[in-house]
């Protein structure tokens, strides 16, 4: 997605790392770049607002359930593999986490 305007930080980069921004899992310098981008780009700001609202809703509705430690470790391991580029999200579609 791109709004068609030139930004110091490209829309695709912002959207690819939106959840890292939402989860406060990126360096402050990157967060600052994203905040500047949101000030300049209303489509990305809208997407950010939507994803933030969904995240809050999920937390409110499901935030009280305890996740088994082994399941959490498997999910986090899969996320790390995807982030490192060793696998794509599509590689694991329909397959159990192992």
PDB file of N, CA and C in Angstrom:
ATOM      1  N   UNK A   1       0.840  -1.168   0.000  1.00  0.00           N
ATOM      2  CA  UNK A   1       0.000   0.000   0.000  1.00  0.00           C
ATOM      3  C   UNK A   1       0.887   1.232   0.000  1.00  0.00           C
ATOM      4  N   UNK A   2       0.502   2.201  -0.715  1.00  0.00           N
ATOM      5  CA  UNK A   2       1.193   3.482  -0.705  1.00  0.00           C
ATOM      6  C   UNK A   2       0.174   4.559  -0.993  1.00  0.00           C
ATOM      7  N   UNK A   3       0.367   5.706  -0.353  1.00  0.00           N
ATOM      8  CA  UNK A   3      -0.568   6.804  -0.568  1.00  0.00           C
ATOM      9  C   UNK A   3      -0.217   7.578  -1.837  1.00  0.00           C
ATOM     10  N   UNK A   4       0.932   7.262  -2.435  1.00  0.00           N
ATOM     11  CA  UNK A   4       1.348   7.943  -3.656  1.00  0.00           C
ATOM     12  C   UNK A   4       2.245   9.134  -3.408  1.00  0.00           C
ATOM     13  N   UNK A   5       2.361   9.559  -2.166  1.00  0.00           N
ATOM     14  CA  UNK A   5       3.231  10.676  -1.824  1.00  0.00           C
ATOM     15  C   UNK A   5       4.582  10.149  -1.374  1.00  0.00           C
ATOM     16  N   UNK A   6       5.600  10.990  -1.530  1.00  0.00           N
ATOM     17  CA  UNK A   6       6.934  10.614  -1.076  1.00  0.00           C
ATOM     18  C   UNK A   6       7.072  10.948   0.408  1.00  0.00           C
ATOM     19  N   UNK A   7       7.576   9.985   1.175  1.00  0.00           N
ATOM     20  CA  UNK A   7       7.828  10.173   2.599  1.00  0.00           C
ATOM     21  C   UNK A   7       9.241   9.683   2.894  1.00  0.00           C
ATOM     22  N   UNK A   8       9.854  10.239   3.920  1.00  0.00           N
ATOM     23  CA  UNK A   8      11.186   9.785   4.308  1.00  0.00           C
ATOM     24  C   UNK A   8      11.159   8.288   4.633  1.00  0.00           C
ATOM     25  N   UNK A   9      10.112   7.857   5.322  1.00  0.00           N
ATOM     26  CA  UNK A   9       9.905   6.438   5.607  1.00  0.00           C
ATOM     27  C   UNK A   9       8.745   5.966   4.737  1.00  0.00           C
ATOM     28  N   UNK A  10       9.009   4.980   3.892  1.00  0.00           N
ATOM     29  CA  UNK A  10       8.019   4.507   2.931  1.00  0.00           C
ATOM     30  C   UNK A  10       6.826   3.844   3.619  1.00  0.00           C
ATOM     31  N   UNK A  11       5.655   4.004   3.020  1.00  0.00           N
ATOM     32  CA  UNK A  11       4.425   3.404   3.565  1.00  0.00           C
ATOM     33  C   UNK A  11       4.575   1.900   3.765  1.00  0.00           C
ATOM     34  N   UNK A  12       5.195   1.217   2.814  1.00  0.00           N
ATOM     35  CA  UNK A  12       5.319  -0.242   2.924  1.00  0.00           C
ATOM     36  C   UNK A  12       6.159  -0.632   4.139  1.00  0.00           C
ATOM     37  N   UNK A  13       7.199   0.138   4.440  1.00  0.00           N
ATOM     38  CA  UNK A  13       8.012  -0.143   5.627  1.00  0.00           C
ATOM     39  C   UNK A  13       7.184   0.055   6.901  1.00  0.00           C
ATOM     40  N   UNK A  14       6.412   1.122   6.928  1.00  0.00           N
ATOM     41  CA  UNK A  14       5.582   1.397   8.101  1.00  0.00           C
ATOM     42  C   UNK A  14       4.573   0.275   8.306  1.00  0.00           C
ATOM     43  N   UNK A  15       3.909  -0.144   7.247  1.00  0.00           N
ATOM     44  CA  UNK A  15       2.882  -1.171   7.386  1.00  0.00           C
ATOM     45  C   UNK A  15       3.485  -2.541   7.674  1.00  0.00           C
ATOM     46  N   UNK A  16       4.692  -2.813   7.138  1.00  0.00           N
ATOM     47  CA  UNK A  16       5.356  -4.092   7.414  1.00  0.00           C
ATOM     48  C   UNK A  16       5.752  -4.224   8.889  1.00  0.00           C
ATOM     49  N   UNK A  17       5.988  -3.100   9.547  1.00  0.00           N
ATOM     50  CA  UNK A  17       6.457  -3.128  10.931  1.00  0.00           C
ATOM     51  C   UNK A  17       5.454  -2.496  11.901  1.00  0.00           C
ATOM     52  N   UNK A  18       4.203  -2.409  11.475  1.00  0.00           N
ATOM     53  CA  UNK A  18       3.186  -1.746  12.282  1.00  0.00           C
ATOM     54  C   UNK A  18       2.984  -2.410  13.639  1.00  0.00           C
ATOM     55  N   UNK A  19       2.983  -3.748  13.671  1.00  0.00           N
ATOM     56  CA  UNK A  19       2.751  -4.428  14.945  1.00  0.00           C
ATOM     57  C   UNK A  19       3.931  -4.263  15.888  1.00  0.00           C
ATOM     58  N   UNK A  20       5.133  -4.181  15.349  1.00  0.00           N
ATOM     59  CA  UNK A  20       6.286  -3.902  16.205  1.00  0.00           C
ATOM     60  C   UNK A  20       6.134  -2.522  16.846  1.00  0.00           C
ATOM     61  N   UNK A  21       5.623  -1.565  16.078  1.00  0.00           N
ATOM     62  CA  UNK A  21       5.379  -0.227  16.607  1.00  0.00           C
ATOM     63  C   UNK A  21       4.281  -0.273  17.672  1.00  0.00           C
ATOM     64  N   UNK A  22       3.186  -0.939  17.352  1.00  0.00           N
ATOM     65  CA  UNK A  22       2.073  -1.035  18.301  1.00  0.00           C
ATOM     66  C   UNK A  22       2.482  -1.724  19.601  1.00  0.00           C
ATOM     67  N   UNK A  23       3.368  -2.703  19.500  1.00  0.00           N
ATOM     68  CA  UNK A  23       3.779  -3.488  20.668  1.00  0.00           C
ATOM     69  C   UNK A  23       5.008  -2.914  21.368  1.00  0.00           C
ATOM     70  N   UNK A  24       5.459  -1.744  20.897  1.00  0.00           N
ATOM     71  CA  UNK A  24       6.636  -1.086  21.489  1.00  0.00           C
ATOM     72  C   UNK A  24       7.855  -2.005  21.450  1.00  0.00           C
ATOM     73  N   UNK A  25       8.042  -2.661  20.285  1.00  0.00           N
ATOM     74  CA  UNK A  25       9.142  -3.608  20.124  1.00  0.00           C
ATOM     75  C   UNK A  25      10.184  -3.105  19.129  1.00  0.00           C
ATOM     76  N   UNK A  26      10.297  -1.795  18.994  1.00  0.00           N
ATOM     77  CA  UNK A  26      11.292  -1.240  18.077  1.00  0.00           C
ATOM     78  C   UNK A  26      12.046  -0.112  18.771  1.00  0.00           C
ATOM     79  N   UNK A  27      13.245   0.181  18.261  1.00  0.00           N
ATOM     80  CA  UNK A  27      14.032   1.258  18.874  1.00  0.00           C
ATOM     81  C   UNK A  27      13.306   2.599  18.808  1.00  0.00           C
ATOM     82  N   UNK A  28      13.602   3.458  19.764  1.00  0.00           N
ATOM     83  CA  UNK A  28      12.969   4.777  19.824  1.00  0.00           C
ATOM     84  C   UNK A  28      13.164   5.567  18.536  1.00  0.00           C
ATOM     85  N   UNK A  29      14.338   5.423  17.904  1.00  0.00           N
ATOM     86  CA  UNK A  29      14.597   6.167  16.666  1.00  0.00           C
ATOM     87  C   UNK A  29      13.637   5.746  15.563  1.00  0.00           C
ATOM     88  N   UNK A  30      13.336   4.454  15.486  1.00  0.00           N
ATOM     89  CA  UNK A  30      12.370   3.981  14.489  1.00  0.00           C
ATOM     90  C   UNK A  30      10.959   4.441  14.843  1.00  0.00           C
ATOM     91  N   UNK A  31      10.635   4.426  16.128  1.00  0.00           N
ATOM     92  CA  UNK A  31       9.312   4.901  16.560  1.00  0.00           C
ATOM     93  C   UNK A  31       9.114   6.353  16.143  1.00  0.00           C
ATOM     94  N   UNK A  32      10.150   7.151  16.299  1.00  0.00           N
ATOM     95  CA  UNK A  32      10.064   8.564  15.917  1.00  0.00           C
ATOM     96  C   UNK A  32       9.801   8.707  14.433  1.00  0.00           C
ATOM     97  N   UNK A  33      10.478   7.885  13.606  1.00  0.00           N
ATOM     98  CA  UNK A  33      10.247   7.926  12.158  1.00  0.00           C
ATOM     99  C   UNK A  33       8.797   7.572  11.829  1.00  0.00           C
ATOM    100  N   UNK A  34       8.261   6.594  12.519  1.00  0.00           N
ATOM    101  CA  UNK A  34       6.887   6.179  12.273  1.00  0.00           C
ATOM    102  C   UNK A  34       5.915   7.275  12.685  1.00  0.00           C
ATOM    103  N   UNK A  35       6.167   7.910  13.815  1.00  0.00           N
ATOM    104  CA  UNK A  35       5.282   8.982  14.276  1.00  0.00           C
ATOM    105  C   UNK A  35       5.266  10.136  13.280  1.00  0.00           C
ATOM    106  N   UNK A  36       6.436  10.480  12.735  1.00  0.00           N
ATOM    107  CA  UNK A  36       6.506  11.523  11.698  1.00  0.00           C
ATOM    108  C   UNK A  36       5.711  11.089  10.478  1.00  0.00           C
ATOM    109  N   UNK A  37       5.853   9.835  10.096  1.00  0.00           N
ATOM    110  CA  UNK A  37       5.121   9.322   8.935  1.00  0.00           C
ATOM    111  C   UNK A  37       3.614   9.425   9.155  1.00  0.00           C
ATOM    112  N   UNK A  38       3.146   9.056  10.337  1.00  0.00           N
ATOM    113  CA  UNK A  38       1.711   9.120  10.610  1.00  0.00           C
ATOM    114  C   UNK A  38       1.189  10.548  10.542  1.00  0.00           C
ATOM    115  N   UNK A  39       2.012  11.512  10.917  1.00  0.00           N
ATOM    116  CA  UNK A  39       1.611  12.918  10.816  1.00  0.00           C
ATOM    117  C   UNK A  39       1.449  13.353   9.360  1.00  0.00           C
ATOM    118  N   UNK A  40       2.207  12.738   8.459  1.00  0.00           N
ATOM    119  CA  UNK A  40       2.202  13.114   7.044  1.00  0.00           C
ATOM    120  C   UNK A  40       1.247  12.288   6.191  1.00  0.00           C
ATOM    121  N   UNK A  41       0.890  11.097   6.656  1.00  0.00           N
ATOM    122  CA  UNK A  41       0.202  10.129   5.783  1.00  0.00           C
ATOM    123  C   UNK A  41      -1.100   9.650   6.428  1.00  0.00           C
ATOM    124  N   UNK A  42      -2.206  10.187   5.965  1.00  0.00           N
ATOM    125  CA  UNK A  42      -3.489   9.817   6.571  1.00  0.00           C
ATOM    126  C   UNK A  42      -3.893   8.363   6.318  1.00  0.00           C
ATOM    127  N   UNK A  43      -3.588   7.732   5.151  1.00  0.00           N
ATOM    128  CA  UNK A  43      -3.952   6.313   5.000  1.00  0.00           C
ATOM    129  C   UNK A  43      -3.238   5.413   6.020  1.00  0.00           C
ATOM    130  N   UNK A  44      -1.952   5.683   6.272  1.00  0.00           N
ATOM    131  CA  UNK A  44      -1.222   4.879   7.253  1.00  0.00           C
ATOM    132  C   UNK A  44      -1.707   5.174   8.667  1.00  0.00           C
ATOM    133  N   UNK A  45      -2.025   6.429   8.937  1.00  0.00           N
ATOM    134  CA  UNK A  45      -2.568   6.785  10.242  1.00  0.00           C
ATOM    135  C   UNK A  45      -3.898   6.075  10.478  1.00  0.00           C
ATOM    136  N   UNK A  46      -4.714   5.999   9.451  1.00  0.00           N
ATOM    137  CA  UNK A  46      -6.002   5.307   9.560  1.00  0.00           C
ATOM    138  C   UNK A  46      -5.796   3.822   9.842  1.00  0.00           C
ATOM    139  N   UNK A  47      -4.846   3.201   9.124  1.00  0.00           N
ATOM    140  CA  UNK A  47      -4.547   1.780   9.336  1.00  0.00           C
ATOM    141  C   UNK A  47      -4.017   1.561  10.752  1.00  0.00           C
ATOM    142  N   UNK A  48      -3.142   2.450  11.211  1.00  0.00           N
ATOM    143  CA  UNK A  48      -2.617   2.377  12.580  1.00  0.00           C
ATOM    144  C   UNK A  48      -3.762   2.459  13.589  1.00  0.00           C
ATOM    145  N   UNK A  49      -4.658   3.404  13.406  1.00  0.00           N
ATOM    146  CA  UNK A  49      -5.781   3.562  14.325  1.00  0.00           C
ATOM    147  C   UNK A  49      -6.669   2.333  14.360  1.00  0.00           C
ATOM    148  N   UNK A  50      -6.923   1.751  13.206  1.00  0.00           N
ATOM    149  CA  UNK A  50      -7.745   0.540  13.129  1.00  0.00           C
ATOM    150  C   UNK A  50      -7.069  -0.619  13.858  1.00  0.00           C
ATOM    151  N   UNK A  51      -5.784  -0.828  13.578  1.00  0.00           N
ATOM    152  CA  UNK A  51      -5.075  -1.942  14.208  1.00  0.00           C
ATOM    153  C   UNK A  51      -4.947  -1.737  15.717  1.00  0.00           C
ATOM    154  N   UNK A  52      -4.759  -0.494  16.153  1.00  0.00           N
ATOM    155  CA  UNK A  52      -4.688  -0.195  17.578  1.00  0.00           C
ATOM    156  C   UNK A  52      -6.030  -0.505  18.250  1.00  0.00           C
ATOM    157  N   UNK A  53      -7.127  -0.152  17.580  1.00  0.00           N
ATOM    158  CA  UNK A  53      -8.455  -0.435  18.133  1.00  0.00           C
ATOM    159  C   UNK A  53      -8.707  -1.934  18.228  1.00  0.00           C
ATOM    160  N   UNK A  54      -8.319  -2.681  17.217  1.00  0.00           N
ATOM    161  CA  UNK A  54      -8.489  -4.142  17.234  1.00  0.00           C
ATOM    162  C   UNK A  54      -7.670  -4.740  18.371  1.00  0.00           C
ATOM    163  N   UNK A  55      -6.445  -4.268  18.501  1.00  0.00           N
ATOM    164  CA  UNK A  55      -5.572  -4.772  19.569  1.00  0.00           C
ATOM    165  C   UNK A  55      -6.197  -4.516  20.949  1.00  0.00           C
ATOM    166  N   UNK A  56      -6.746  -3.335  21.157  1.00  0.00           N
ATOM    167  CA  UNK A  56      -7.396  -3.016  22.435  1.00  0.00           C
ATOM    168  C   UNK A  56      -8.617  -3.903  22.672  1.00  0.00           C
ATOM    169  N   UNK A  57      -9.397  -4.130  21.621  1.00  0.00           N
ATOM    170  CA  UNK A  57     -10.580  -4.978  21.740  1.00  0.00           C
ATOM    171  C   UNK A  57     -10.196  -6.408  22.093  1.00  0.00           C
ATOM    172  N   UNK A  58      -9.197  -6.937  21.427  1.00  0.00           N
ATOM    173  CA  UNK A  58      -8.744  -8.300  21.713  1.00  0.00           C
ATOM    174  C   UNK A  58      -8.231  -8.388  23.146  1.00  0.00           C
ATOM    175  N   UNK A  59      -7.471  -7.398  23.570  1.00  0.00           N
ATOM    176  CA  UNK A  59      -6.954  -7.407  24.943  1.00  0.00           C
ATOM    177  C   UNK A  59      -8.096  -7.380  25.950  1.00  0.00           C
ATOM    178  N   UNK A  60      -9.102  -6.551  25.674  1.00  0.00           N
ATOM    179  CA  UNK A  60     -10.233  -6.449  26.596  1.00  0.00           C
ATOM    180  C   UNK A  60     -11.025  -7.752  26.653  1.00  0.00           C
ATOM    181  N   UNK A  61     -11.214  -8.383  25.500  1.00  0.00           N
ATOM    182  CA  UNK A  61     -12.054  -9.586  25.444  1.00  0.00           C
ATOM    183  C   UNK A  61     -11.297 -10.868  25.780  1.00  0.00           C
ATOM    184  N   UNK A  62     -10.013 -10.894  25.476  1.00  0.00           N
ATOM    185  CA  UNK A  62      -9.262 -12.145  25.613  1.00  0.00           C
ATOM    186  C   UNK A  62      -8.044 -12.016  26.508  1.00  0.00           C
ATOM    187  N   UNK A  63      -7.842 -10.871  27.090  1.00  0.00           N
ATOM    188  CA  UNK A  63      -6.628 -10.621  27.841  1.00  0.00           C
ATOM    189  C   UNK A  63      -6.531 -11.331  29.177  1.00  0.00           C
ATOM    190  N   UNK A  64      -7.556 -12.051  29.561  1.00  0.00           N
ATOM    191  CA  UNK A  64      -7.562 -12.682  30.869  1.00  0.00           C
ATOM    192  C   UNK A  64      -7.224 -14.164  30.812  1.00  0.00           C
ATOM    193  N   UNK A  65      -7.100 -14.709  29.614  1.00  0.00           N
ATOM    194  CA  UNK A  65      -6.802 -16.126  29.466  1.00  0.00           C
ATOM    195  C   UNK A  65      -5.298 -16.365  29.582  1.00  0.00           C
ATOM    196  N   UNK A  66      -4.928 -17.373  30.370  1.00  0.00           N
ATOM    197  CA  UNK A  66      -3.529 -17.752  30.475  1.00  0.00           C
ATOM    198  C   UNK A  66      -3.165 -18.656  29.298  1.00  0.00           C
ATOM    199  N   UNK A  67      -2.021 -18.379  28.706  1.00  0.00           N
ATOM    200  CA  UNK A  67      -1.541 -19.172  27.580  1.00  0.00           C
ATOM    201  C   UNK A  67      -0.528 -20.173  28.112  1.00  0.00           C
ATOM    202  N   UNK A  68      -0.673 -21.449  27.738  1.00  0.00           N
ATOM    203  CA  UNK A  68       0.314 -22.436  28.184  1.00  0.00           C
ATOM    204  C   UNK A  68       1.722 -22.031  27.734  1.00  0.00           C
ATOM    205  N   UNK A  69       2.686 -22.228  28.605  1.00  0.00           N
ATOM    206  CA  UNK A  69       4.061 -21.804  28.357  1.00  0.00           C
ATOM    207  C   UNK A  69       4.622 -22.427  27.082  1.00  0.00           C
ATOM    208  N   UNK A  70       4.367 -23.711  26.865  1.00  0.00           N
ATOM    209  CA  UNK A  70       4.924 -24.362  25.675  1.00  0.00           C
ATOM    210  C   UNK A  70       4.303 -23.818  24.394  1.00  0.00           C
ATOM    211  N   UNK A  71       3.014 -23.507  24.408  1.00  0.00           N
ATOM    212  CA  UNK A  71       2.376 -22.929  23.227  1.00  0.00           C
ATOM    213  C   UNK A  71       2.949 -21.548  22.940  1.00  0.00           C
ATOM    214  N   UNK A  72       3.109 -20.745  23.979  1.00  0.00           N
ATOM    215  CA  UNK A  72       3.686 -19.411  23.804  1.00  0.00           C
ATOM    216  C   UNK A  72       5.086 -19.503  23.216  1.00  0.00           C
ATOM    217  N   UNK A  73       5.893 -20.431  23.700  1.00  0.00           N
ATOM    218  CA  UNK A  73       7.262 -20.603  23.197  1.00  0.00           C
ATOM    219  C   UNK A  73       7.250 -21.007  21.724  1.00  0.00           C
ATOM    220  N   UNK A  74       6.336 -21.899  21.339  1.00  0.00           N
ATOM    221  CA  UNK A  74       6.245 -22.321  19.941  1.00  0.00           C
ATOM    222  C   UNK A  74       5.829 -21.167  19.034  1.00  0.00           C
ATOM    223  N   UNK A  75       4.841 -20.396  19.474  1.00  0.00           N
ATOM    224  CA  UNK A  75       4.376 -19.262  18.671  1.00  0.00           C
ATOM    225  C   UNK A  75       5.484 -18.224  18.538  1.00  0.00           C
ATOM    226  N   UNK A  76       6.145 -17.909  19.637  1.00  0.00           N
ATOM    227  CA  UNK A  76       7.232 -16.919  19.589  1.00  0.00           C
ATOM    228  C   UNK A  76       8.379 -17.420  18.719  1.00  0.00           C
ATOM    229  N   UNK A  77       8.665 -18.708  18.763  1.00  0.00           N
ATOM    230  CA  UNK A  77       9.703 -19.284  17.902  1.00  0.00           C
ATOM    231  C   UNK A  77       9.357 -19.138  16.435  1.00  0.00           C
ATOM    232  N   UNK A  78       8.089 -19.372  16.103  1.00  0.00           N
ATOM    233  CA  UNK A  78       7.641 -19.233  14.710  1.00  0.00           C
ATOM    234  C   UNK A  78       7.726 -17.774  14.267  1.00  0.00           C
ATOM    235  N   UNK A  79       7.340 -16.863  15.136  1.00  0.00           N
ATOM    236  CA  UNK A  79       7.437 -15.432  14.825  1.00  0.00           C
ATOM    237  C   UNK A  79       8.893 -15.046  14.573  1.00  0.00           C
ATOM    238  N   UNK A  80       9.803 -15.541  15.402  1.00  0.00           N
ATOM    239  CA  UNK A  80      11.224 -15.243  15.211  1.00  0.00           C
ATOM    240  C   UNK A  80      11.720 -15.771  13.869  1.00  0.00           C
ATOM    241  N   UNK A  81      11.298 -16.977  13.475  1.00  0.00           N
ATOM    242  CA  UNK A  81      11.697 -17.530  12.180  1.00  0.00           C
ATOM    243  C   UNK A  81      11.175 -16.673  11.027  1.00  0.00           C
ATOM    244  N   UNK A  82       9.949 -16.213  11.134  1.00  0.00           N
ATOM    245  CA  UNK A  82       9.357 -15.372  10.092  1.00  0.00           C
ATOM    246  C   UNK A  82      10.092 -14.048  10.025  1.00  0.00           C
ATOM    247  N   UNK A  83      10.347 -13.437  11.172  1.00  0.00           N
ATOM    248  CA  UNK A  83      11.055 -12.149  11.191  1.00  0.00           C
ATOM    249  C   UNK A  83      12.466 -12.262  10.622  1.00  0.00           C
ATOM    250  N   UNK A  84      13.121 -13.392  10.857  1.00  0.00           N
ATOM    251  CA  UNK A  84      14.492 -13.566  10.377  1.00  0.00           C
ATOM    252  C   UNK A  84      14.530 -13.944   8.900  1.00  0.00           C
ATOM    253  N   UNK A  85      13.369 -14.247   8.317  1.00  0.00           N
ATOM    254  CA  UNK A  85      13.299 -14.593   6.902  1.00  0.00           C
ATOM    255  C   UNK A  85      13.552 -16.059   6.612  1.00  0.00           C
ATOM    256  N   UNK A  86      13.694 -16.887   7.641  1.00  0.00           N
ATOM    257  CA  UNK A  86      13.941 -18.311   7.435  1.00  0.00           C
ATOM    258  C   UNK A  86      12.707 -19.041   6.899  1.00  0.00           C
ATOM    259  N   UNK A  87      11.541 -18.542   7.245  1.00  0.00           N
ATOM    260  CA  UNK A  87      10.288 -19.065   6.702  1.00  0.00           C
ATOM    261  C   UNK A  87       9.361 -17.885   6.464  1.00  0.00           C
ATOM    262  N   UNK A  88       8.343 -18.103   5.653  1.00  0.00           N
ATOM    263  CA  UNK A  88       7.322 -17.089   5.431  1.00  0.00           C
ATOM    264  C   UNK A  88       6.066 -17.527   6.162  1.00  0.00           C
ATOM    265  N   UNK A  89       5.171 -16.591   6.451  1.00  0.00           N
ATOM    266  CA  UNK A  89       3.932 -16.992   7.135  1.00  0.00           C
ATOM    267  C   UNK A  89       3.174 -18.070   6.361  1.00  0.00           C
ATOM    268  N   UNK A  90       3.261 -18.027   5.040  1.00  0.00           N
ATOM    269  CA  UNK A  90       2.539 -18.992   4.216  1.00  0.00           C
ATOM    270  C   UNK A  90       3.133 -20.397   4.335  1.00  0.00           C
ATOM    271  N   UNK A  91       4.429 -20.515   4.673  1.00  0.00           N
ATOM    272  CA  UNK A  91       5.065 -21.824   4.795  1.00  0.00           C
ATOM    273  C   UNK A  91       4.392 -22.690   5.851  1.00  0.00           C
ATOM    274  N   UNK A  92       3.854 -22.057   6.870  1.00  0.00           N
ATOM    275  CA  UNK A  92       3.277 -22.811   7.971  1.00  0.00           C
ATOM    276  C   UNK A  92       1.766 -22.884   7.949  1.00  0.00           C
ATOM    277  N   UNK A  93       1.125 -22.394   6.896  1.00  0.00           N
ATOM    278  CA  UNK A  93      -0.334 -22.374   6.856  1.00  0.00           C
ATOM    279  C   UNK A  93      -0.884 -23.795   6.923  1.00  0.00           C
ATOM    280  N   UNK A  94      -1.720 -24.020   7.915  1.00  0.00           N
ATOM    281  CA  UNK A  94      -2.381 -25.306   8.029  1.00  0.00           C
ATOM    282  C   UNK A  94      -1.541 -26.369   8.702  1.00  0.00           C
ATOM    283  N   UNK A  95      -0.304 -26.050   9.063  1.00  0.00           N
ATOM    284  CA  UNK A  95       0.560 -27.029   9.708  1.00  0.00           C
ATOM    285  C   UNK A  95       0.617 -26.718  11.194  1.00  0.00           C
ATOM    286  N   UNK A  96       0.681 -27.760  12.012  1.00  0.00           N
ATOM    287  CA  UNK A  96       0.775 -27.499  13.465  1.00  0.00           C
ATOM    288  C   UNK A  96       2.114 -26.863  13.806  1.00  0.00           C
ATOM    289  N   UNK A  97       2.125 -26.079  14.867  1.00  0.00           N
ATOM    290  CA  UNK A  97       3.372 -25.495  15.356  1.00  0.00           C
ATOM    291  C   UNK A  97       4.189 -26.603  16.000  1.00  0.00           C
ATOM    292  N   UNK A  98       5.389 -26.802  15.524  1.00  0.00           N
ATOM    293  CA  UNK A  98       6.255 -27.851  16.112  1.00  0.00           C
ATOM    294  C   UNK A  98       7.683 -27.411  16.087  1.00  0.00           C
TER     295      UNK A  98
END
